Amino acid sequence: MKVIDELKKNGINFIDINSLHIFINTKEIKYDRLKDSLEDLIENIKDIEYDEDYGGQELFGLILMNDNSWFERGEYDGSEWWQHKRQITKYDVFNFDLQ
């Protein structure tokens, strides 16, 4: 699978990326929107492929979004995914529904 397709499949919008630090196979890719061009990031990853089947993890890292949420790469028993996380807020603590 192409890395760029994997990111899009998981709802990662490139415009919303603040910074990125991922490893694909043995290649390390870093991106910081204050220093780097988004076009360069896309150019760097658009043709990179990895084996998404069961086996060793080939794609991992961290993607920080502009809204202060982030994506972490998860892996269990050969299955891999991006997990979207965000910091808990006061609203989350005090405004929940006990259904």
Protein backbone atom coordinates (compact mmCIF):
# COMPACT_ATOMS: atom_id res chain seq x y z
CA MET A 1 0.00 0.00 0.00
CA LYS A 2 1.17 3.53 -0.67
CA VAL A 3 1.83 5.55 2.49
CA ILE A 4 -0.08 8.57 1.18
CA ASP A 5 -3.17 6.37 0.64
CA GLU A 6 -2.83 4.97 4.17
CA LEU A 7 -2.80 8.48 5.64
CA LYS A 8 -5.81 9.58 3.59
CA LYS A 9 -7.72 6.39 4.46
CA ASN A 10 -7.33 7.27 8.13
CA GLY A 11 -8.74 10.78 7.70
CA ILE A 12 -5.42 12.61 7.89
CA ASN A 13 -5.79 15.87 5.97
CA PHE A 14 -2.38 17.17 4.88
CA ILE A 15 -3.48 20.80 5.23
CA ASP A 16 -4.13 20.19 8.93
CA ILE A 17 -0.74 18.64 9.71
CA ASN A 18 1.40 20.75 12.02
CA SER A 19 4.36 18.37 12.12
CA LEU A 20 5.10 14.81 11.24
CA HIS A 21 7.80 12.32 12.15
CA ILE A 22 7.32 8.89 10.65
CA PHE A 23 9.46 5.93 9.75
CA ILE A 24 8.66 3.83 6.71
CA ASN A 25 10.72 0.66 6.49
CA THR A 26 14.14 2.22 7.15
CA LYS A 27 13.37 5.71 5.81
CA GLU A 28 12.81 8.57 8.27
CA ILE A 29 10.59 11.48 7.22
CA LYS A 30 10.23 14.70 9.22
CA TYR A 31 8.00 17.65 8.45
CA ASP A 32 7.42 20.92 10.32
CA ARG A 33 4.97 23.34 8.72
CA LEU A 34 6.96 26.33 9.99
CA LYS A 35 10.14 25.20 8.21
CA ASP A 36 9.12 22.80 5.46
CA SER A 37 6.94 22.88 2.38
CA LEU A 38 3.79 20.73 2.32
CA GLU A 39 4.47 20.04 -1.34
CA ASP A 40 7.88 18.63 -0.42
CA LEU A 41 6.31 16.35 2.19
CA ILE A 42 3.79 14.99 -0.30
CA GLU A 43 6.52 14.56 -2.91
CA ASN A 44 8.65 12.64 -0.37
CA ILE A 45 5.94 10.15 0.55
CA LYS A 46 3.74 9.85 -2.54
CA ASP A 47 5.58 6.90 -4.09
CA ILE A 48 6.68 5.09 -0.93
CA GLU A 49 5.00 1.73 -0.46
CA TYR A 50 5.02 -0.68 2.44
CA ASP A 51 3.70 -4.18 3.05
CA GLU A 52 0.51 -3.85 5.06
CA ASP A 53 0.10 -7.60 5.58
CA TYR A 54 0.84 -9.39 8.81
CA GLY A 55 4.47 -9.41 9.87
CA GLY A 56 6.82 -6.86 11.34
CA GLN A 57 5.72 -3.24 11.67
CA GLU A 58 7.01 -1.20 8.72
CA LEU A 59 5.26 2.15 9.25
CA PHE A 60 5.30 3.98 12.56
CA GLY A 61 5.59 7.46 13.97
CA LEU A 62 3.64 10.47 15.14
CA ILE A 63 1.62 13.10 13.29
CA LEU A 64 0.72 16.33 15.14
CA MET A 65 -2.30 18.22 13.86
CA ASN A 66 -3.01 21.97 13.94
CA ASP A 67 -5.88 21.47 16.43
CA ASN A 68 -3.40 19.94 18.96
CA SER A 69 -4.70 16.43 18.38
CA TRP A 70 -2.34 13.77 17.05
CA PHE A 71 -2.18 10.42 15.29
CA GLU A 72 -0.15 7.58 16.77
CA ARG A 73 0.65 4.41 14.91
CA GLY A 74 -0.65 1.32 16.63
CA GLU A 75 0.34 -2.27 16.06
CA TYR A 76 -0.85 -5.54 17.52
CA ASP A 77 -0.11 -9.05 16.37
CA GLY A 78 0.83 -7.91 12.87
CA SER A 79 -2.15 -5.58 12.39
CA GLU A 80 -1.37 -1.84 12.07
CA TRP A 81 -3.47 1.34 12.23
CA TRP A 82 -3.33 5.10 12.92
CA GLN A 83 -5.13 6.10 16.11
CA HIS A 84 -6.42 9.67 16.43
CA LYS A 85 -5.94 11.08 19.93
CA ARG A 86 -6.61 14.39 21.60
CA GLN A 87 -5.99 15.90 24.96
CA ILE A 88 -8.86 15.58 27.41
CA THR A 89 -10.61 18.85 28.21
CA LYS A 90 -12.63 20.17 31.13
CA TYR A 91 -15.70 19.82 28.90
CA ASP A 92 -14.99 16.10 28.48
CA VAL A 93 -14.81 15.61 32.24
CA PHE A 94 -17.87 17.60 33.30
CA ASN A 95 -20.21 17.21 30.33
CA PHE A 96 -20.67 13.53 29.69
CA ASP A 97 -23.88 11.58 29.31
CA LEU A 98 -24.52 8.49 31.45
CA GLN A 99 -26.83 6.59 29.10
